[in-house]
N, C-alpha and C. Protein backbone atom coordinates (compact mmCIF):
# COMPACT_ATOMS: atom_id res chain seq x y z
N MET A 1 -75.59 50.87 -107.61
CA MET A 1 -74.86 49.65 -107.35
C MET A 1 -75.56 48.54 -108.14
N SER A 2 -74.76 47.84 -108.90
CA SER A 2 -75.33 46.79 -109.74
C SER A 2 -75.51 45.50 -108.95
N ASN A 3 -76.18 44.56 -109.55
CA ASN A 3 -76.44 43.27 -108.92
C ASN A 3 -75.14 42.51 -108.67
N GLU A 4 -74.19 42.60 -109.61
CA GLU A 4 -72.90 41.93 -109.45
C GLU A 4 -72.12 42.50 -108.27
N ASP A 5 -72.21 43.82 -108.10
CA ASP A 5 -71.54 44.45 -106.96
C ASP A 5 -72.13 43.99 -105.64
N ARG A 6 -73.47 43.84 -105.60
CA ARG A 6 -74.12 43.37 -104.38
C ARG A 6 -73.72 41.93 -104.06
N ILE A 7 -73.62 41.09 -105.08
CA ILE A 7 -73.19 39.70 -104.88
C ILE A 7 -71.76 39.66 -104.36
N LEU A 8 -70.89 40.46 -104.97
CA LEU A 8 -69.49 40.52 -104.54
C LEU A 8 -69.40 41.03 -103.10
N LEU A 9 -70.18 42.05 -102.79
CA LEU A 9 -70.18 42.61 -101.44
C LEU A 9 -70.67 41.58 -100.42
N SER A 10 -71.70 40.84 -100.74
CA SER A 10 -72.22 39.84 -99.81
C SER A 10 -71.20 38.71 -99.61
N LYS A 11 -70.47 38.33 -100.68
CA LYS A 11 -69.43 37.31 -100.54
C LYS A 11 -68.30 37.82 -99.64
N LEU A 12 -67.91 39.06 -99.84
CA LEU A 12 -66.86 39.63 -99.01
C LEU A 12 -67.28 39.71 -97.54
N LEU A 13 -68.52 40.08 -97.30
CA LEU A 13 -69.02 40.15 -95.92
C LEU A 13 -69.04 38.77 -95.27
N ARG A 14 -69.41 37.74 -96.03
CA ARG A 14 -69.38 36.37 -95.50
C ARG A 14 -67.96 35.95 -95.16
N GLU A 15 -67.01 36.26 -96.06
CA GLU A 15 -65.61 35.92 -95.81
C GLU A 15 -65.07 36.65 -94.58
N ILE A 16 -65.45 37.93 -94.44
CA ILE A 16 -65.03 38.69 -93.26
C ILE A 16 -65.61 38.07 -92.00
N SER A 17 -66.86 37.65 -92.05
CA SER A 17 -67.49 37.01 -90.90
C SER A 17 -66.79 35.71 -90.54
N GLU A 18 -66.46 34.91 -91.55
CA GLU A 18 -65.73 33.65 -91.31
C GLU A 18 -64.35 33.94 -90.73
N LEU A 19 -63.69 34.96 -91.25
CA LEU A 19 -62.37 35.32 -90.75
C LEU A 19 -62.44 35.76 -89.29
N ARG A 20 -63.47 36.52 -88.94
CA ARG A 20 -63.66 36.92 -87.54
C ARG A 20 -63.84 35.70 -86.64
N GLY A 21 -64.62 34.73 -87.12
CA GLY A 21 -64.82 33.51 -86.35
C GLY A 21 -63.53 32.75 -86.15
N GLU A 22 -62.73 32.65 -87.20
CA GLU A 22 -61.44 31.96 -87.10
C GLU A 22 -60.50 32.71 -86.15
N MET A 23 -60.51 34.04 -86.23
CA MET A 23 -59.67 34.83 -85.34
C MET A 23 -60.09 34.65 -83.89
N LYS A 24 -61.40 34.60 -83.64
CA LYS A 24 -61.90 34.41 -82.29
C LYS A 24 -61.48 33.04 -81.76
N GLU A 25 -61.60 32.01 -82.60
CA GLU A 25 -61.19 30.66 -82.20
C GLU A 25 -59.69 30.61 -81.92
N PHE A 26 -58.90 31.25 -82.77
CA PHE A 26 -57.45 31.28 -82.57
C PHE A 26 -57.10 31.98 -81.26
N LYS A 27 -57.79 33.08 -80.98
CA LYS A 27 -57.56 33.83 -79.75
C LYS A 27 -57.88 32.96 -78.53
N GLU A 28 -58.99 32.25 -78.55
CA GLU A 28 -59.38 31.39 -77.43
C GLU A 28 -58.36 30.27 -77.23
N GLN A 29 -57.90 29.65 -78.31
CA GLN A 29 -56.91 28.58 -78.21
C GLN A 29 -55.58 29.13 -77.67
N THR A 30 -55.19 30.30 -78.12
CA THR A 30 -53.94 30.90 -77.66
C THR A 30 -54.01 31.23 -76.18
N ILE A 31 -55.11 31.80 -75.74
CA ILE A 31 -55.28 32.11 -74.32
C ILE A 31 -55.26 30.83 -73.49
N TYR A 32 -55.92 29.77 -73.96
CA TYR A 32 -55.91 28.49 -73.25
C TYR A 32 -54.48 27.95 -73.13
N ARG A 33 -53.74 27.98 -74.24
CA ARG A 33 -52.37 27.47 -74.23
C ARG A 33 -51.47 28.29 -73.31
N LEU A 34 -51.61 29.61 -73.33
CA LEU A 34 -50.80 30.46 -72.45
C LEU A 34 -51.11 30.19 -70.99
N ASN A 35 -52.39 30.06 -70.66
CA ASN A 35 -52.77 29.77 -69.28
C ASN A 35 -52.22 28.42 -68.84
N HIS A 36 -52.30 27.43 -69.73
CA HIS A 36 -51.78 26.10 -69.41
C HIS A 36 -50.26 26.15 -69.22
N ALA A 37 -49.56 26.88 -70.07
CA ALA A 37 -48.10 26.99 -69.96
C ALA A 37 -47.72 27.71 -68.66
N GLU A 38 -48.43 28.76 -68.31
CA GLU A 38 -48.15 29.48 -67.06
C GLU A 38 -48.40 28.58 -65.85
N GLN A 39 -49.47 27.81 -65.90
CA GLN A 39 -49.79 26.91 -64.79
C GLN A 39 -48.70 25.86 -64.63
N ARG A 40 -48.25 25.28 -65.73
CA ARG A 40 -47.19 24.27 -65.65
C ARG A 40 -45.89 24.89 -65.17
N SER A 41 -45.61 26.11 -65.59
CA SER A 41 -44.40 26.79 -65.15
C SER A 41 -44.43 27.03 -63.64
N GLU A 42 -45.57 27.46 -63.12
CA GLU A 42 -45.71 27.65 -61.68
C GLU A 42 -45.55 26.34 -60.93
N GLU A 43 -46.11 25.26 -61.48
CA GLU A 43 -45.97 23.95 -60.84
C GLU A 43 -44.51 23.53 -60.79
N ARG A 44 -43.78 23.76 -61.88
CA ARG A 44 -42.37 23.38 -61.91
C ARG A 44 -41.55 24.22 -60.94
N GLN A 45 -41.90 25.48 -60.79
CA GLN A 45 -41.15 26.34 -59.86
C GLN A 45 -41.41 25.96 -58.41
N ASN A 46 -42.61 25.52 -58.11
CA ASN A 46 -42.96 25.21 -56.73
C ASN A 46 -42.67 23.76 -56.33
N ASP A 47 -42.60 22.86 -57.31
CA ASP A 47 -42.39 21.44 -57.00
C ASP A 47 -41.26 20.90 -57.86
N PRO A 48 -40.07 20.71 -57.28
CA PRO A 48 -38.93 20.26 -58.09
C PRO A 48 -39.09 18.86 -58.66
N THR A 49 -40.04 18.06 -58.14
CA THR A 49 -40.23 16.72 -58.69
C THR A 49 -40.88 16.77 -60.06
N LYS A 50 -41.50 17.88 -60.41
CA LYS A 50 -42.15 18.00 -61.72
C LYS A 50 -41.23 18.60 -62.77
N CYS A 51 -40.05 19.04 -62.37
CA CYS A 51 -39.12 19.70 -63.28
C CYS A 51 -37.86 18.86 -63.41
N THR A 52 -37.44 18.58 -64.63
CA THR A 52 -36.26 17.76 -64.87
C THR A 52 -35.02 18.39 -64.26
N VAL A 53 -34.84 19.68 -64.46
CA VAL A 53 -33.67 20.36 -63.92
C VAL A 53 -33.71 20.35 -62.39
N GLY A 54 -34.89 20.57 -61.83
CA GLY A 54 -35.03 20.55 -60.38
C GLY A 54 -34.70 19.18 -59.80
N ARG A 55 -35.15 18.12 -60.49
CA ARG A 55 -34.84 16.77 -60.01
C ARG A 55 -33.35 16.50 -60.08
N SER A 56 -32.72 16.86 -61.19
CA SER A 56 -31.29 16.58 -61.31
C SER A 56 -30.49 17.45 -60.34
N LEU A 57 -30.91 18.68 -60.09
CA LEU A 57 -30.23 19.53 -59.11
C LEU A 57 -30.40 18.96 -57.71
N SER A 58 -31.61 18.50 -57.40
CA SER A 58 -31.86 17.90 -56.09
C SER A 58 -31.02 16.64 -55.91
N ASP A 59 -30.93 15.80 -56.95
CA ASP A 59 -30.09 14.60 -56.89
C ASP A 59 -28.63 14.97 -56.72
N HIS A 60 -28.18 16.01 -57.40
CA HIS A 60 -26.79 16.45 -57.32
C HIS A 60 -26.45 16.91 -55.91
N ILE A 61 -27.37 17.68 -55.33
CA ILE A 61 -27.13 18.20 -53.98
C ILE A 61 -27.09 17.06 -52.97
N THR A 62 -28.00 16.11 -53.09
CA THR A 62 -28.02 15.01 -52.13
C THR A 62 -26.85 14.06 -52.32
N SER A 63 -26.32 13.96 -53.54
CA SER A 63 -25.21 13.03 -53.77
C SER A 63 -23.89 13.57 -53.23
N HIS A 64 -23.76 14.86 -53.07
CA HIS A 64 -22.54 15.46 -52.54
C HIS A 64 -22.72 15.77 -51.06
N GLY A 65 -21.66 15.62 -50.32
CA GLY A 65 -21.72 15.95 -48.90
C GLY A 65 -21.80 17.44 -48.71
N VAL A 66 -22.70 17.88 -47.86
CA VAL A 66 -22.91 19.31 -47.65
C VAL A 66 -21.70 19.93 -46.96
N GLN A 67 -21.11 19.26 -45.99
CA GLN A 67 -19.96 19.82 -45.28
C GLN A 67 -18.76 19.94 -46.21
N LYS A 68 -18.58 18.96 -47.07
CA LYS A 68 -17.46 18.98 -48.01
C LYS A 68 -17.60 20.17 -48.95
N GLU A 69 -18.80 20.39 -49.46
CA GLU A 69 -19.04 21.51 -50.37
C GLU A 69 -18.92 22.83 -49.63
N GLY A 70 -19.39 22.88 -48.40
CA GLY A 70 -19.29 24.12 -47.63
C GLY A 70 -17.85 24.51 -47.37
N GLY A 71 -17.01 23.53 -47.04
CA GLY A 71 -15.59 23.81 -46.83
C GLY A 71 -14.91 24.28 -48.09
N ARG A 72 -15.27 23.67 -49.20
CA ARG A 72 -14.70 24.06 -50.48
C ARG A 72 -15.12 25.49 -50.84
N SER A 73 -16.37 25.82 -50.55
CA SER A 73 -16.86 27.17 -50.84
C SER A 73 -16.11 28.22 -50.02
N VAL A 74 -15.88 27.92 -48.74
CA VAL A 74 -15.15 28.86 -47.89
C VAL A 74 -13.73 29.03 -48.40
N LEU A 75 -13.09 27.94 -48.80
CA LEU A 75 -11.74 28.02 -49.32
C LEU A 75 -11.67 28.91 -50.57
N PHE A 76 -12.62 28.71 -51.49
CA PHE A 76 -12.63 29.55 -52.69
C PHE A 76 -12.92 31.00 -52.37
N LEU A 77 -13.76 31.25 -51.38
CA LEU A 77 -14.05 32.62 -50.97
C LEU A 77 -12.79 33.30 -50.43
N VAL A 78 -12.03 32.60 -49.61
CA VAL A 78 -10.80 33.15 -49.06
C VAL A 78 -9.80 33.42 -50.18
N LEU A 79 -9.64 32.47 -51.10
CA LEU A 79 -8.71 32.66 -52.22
C LEU A 79 -9.10 33.85 -53.10
N GLU A 80 -10.37 33.96 -53.42
CA GLU A 80 -10.81 35.06 -54.28
C GLU A 80 -10.67 36.40 -53.57
N THR A 81 -10.91 36.44 -52.26
CA THR A 81 -10.72 37.68 -51.50
C THR A 81 -9.25 38.08 -51.51
N GLY A 82 -8.37 37.11 -51.34
CA GLY A 82 -6.93 37.39 -51.40
C GLY A 82 -6.50 37.90 -52.76
N MET A 83 -7.02 37.29 -53.82
CA MET A 83 -6.68 37.75 -55.17
C MET A 83 -7.20 39.17 -55.41
N PHE A 84 -8.39 39.48 -54.90
CA PHE A 84 -8.95 40.81 -55.06
C PHE A 84 -8.09 41.84 -54.32
N ALA A 85 -7.67 41.49 -53.10
CA ALA A 85 -6.82 42.40 -52.33
C ALA A 85 -5.49 42.61 -53.04
N ALA A 86 -4.93 41.55 -53.62
CA ALA A 86 -3.67 41.68 -54.35
C ALA A 86 -3.83 42.58 -55.57
N MET A 87 -4.94 42.47 -56.26
CA MET A 87 -5.19 43.33 -57.43
C MET A 87 -5.29 44.79 -57.02
N ILE A 88 -5.93 45.05 -55.89
CA ILE A 88 -6.05 46.43 -55.41
C ILE A 88 -4.67 46.97 -55.04
N LEU A 89 -3.87 46.17 -54.33
CA LEU A 89 -2.53 46.62 -53.95
C LEU A 89 -1.66 46.88 -55.18
N ILE A 90 -1.75 46.04 -56.18
CA ILE A 90 -0.98 46.24 -57.41
C ILE A 90 -1.43 47.51 -58.11
N ALA A 91 -2.74 47.75 -58.13
CA ALA A 91 -3.25 48.95 -58.80
C ALA A 91 -2.84 50.20 -58.04
N VAL A 92 -2.80 50.16 -56.72
CA VAL A 92 -2.46 51.34 -55.94
C VAL A 92 -0.97 51.64 -56.03
N PHE A 93 -0.13 50.62 -55.94
CA PHE A 93 1.32 50.83 -55.88
C PHE A 93 2.01 50.69 -57.23
N ASP A 94 1.28 50.62 -58.26
CA ASP A 94 1.88 50.50 -59.60
C ASP A 94 2.29 51.82 -60.18
């Protein structure tokens, strides 16, 4: 092995060492970001005041009367059940 080969090899080993260091730093930053994102996601799931969608859904629910919505839901359930029964009767007697 010549002197030039040894110099080239030592340069390559230094670059590999630097690359390992950069990869380790990237891995640590990625793990930190993932942990932070998971923590924020859990906070949003458990506390609707921290989530925009949760706040708007909560505002929507409180702005509408619960009894009015409940009556409407029952009406739609009855209508859809009737339509389903009609479809079955049409399929059987067709």
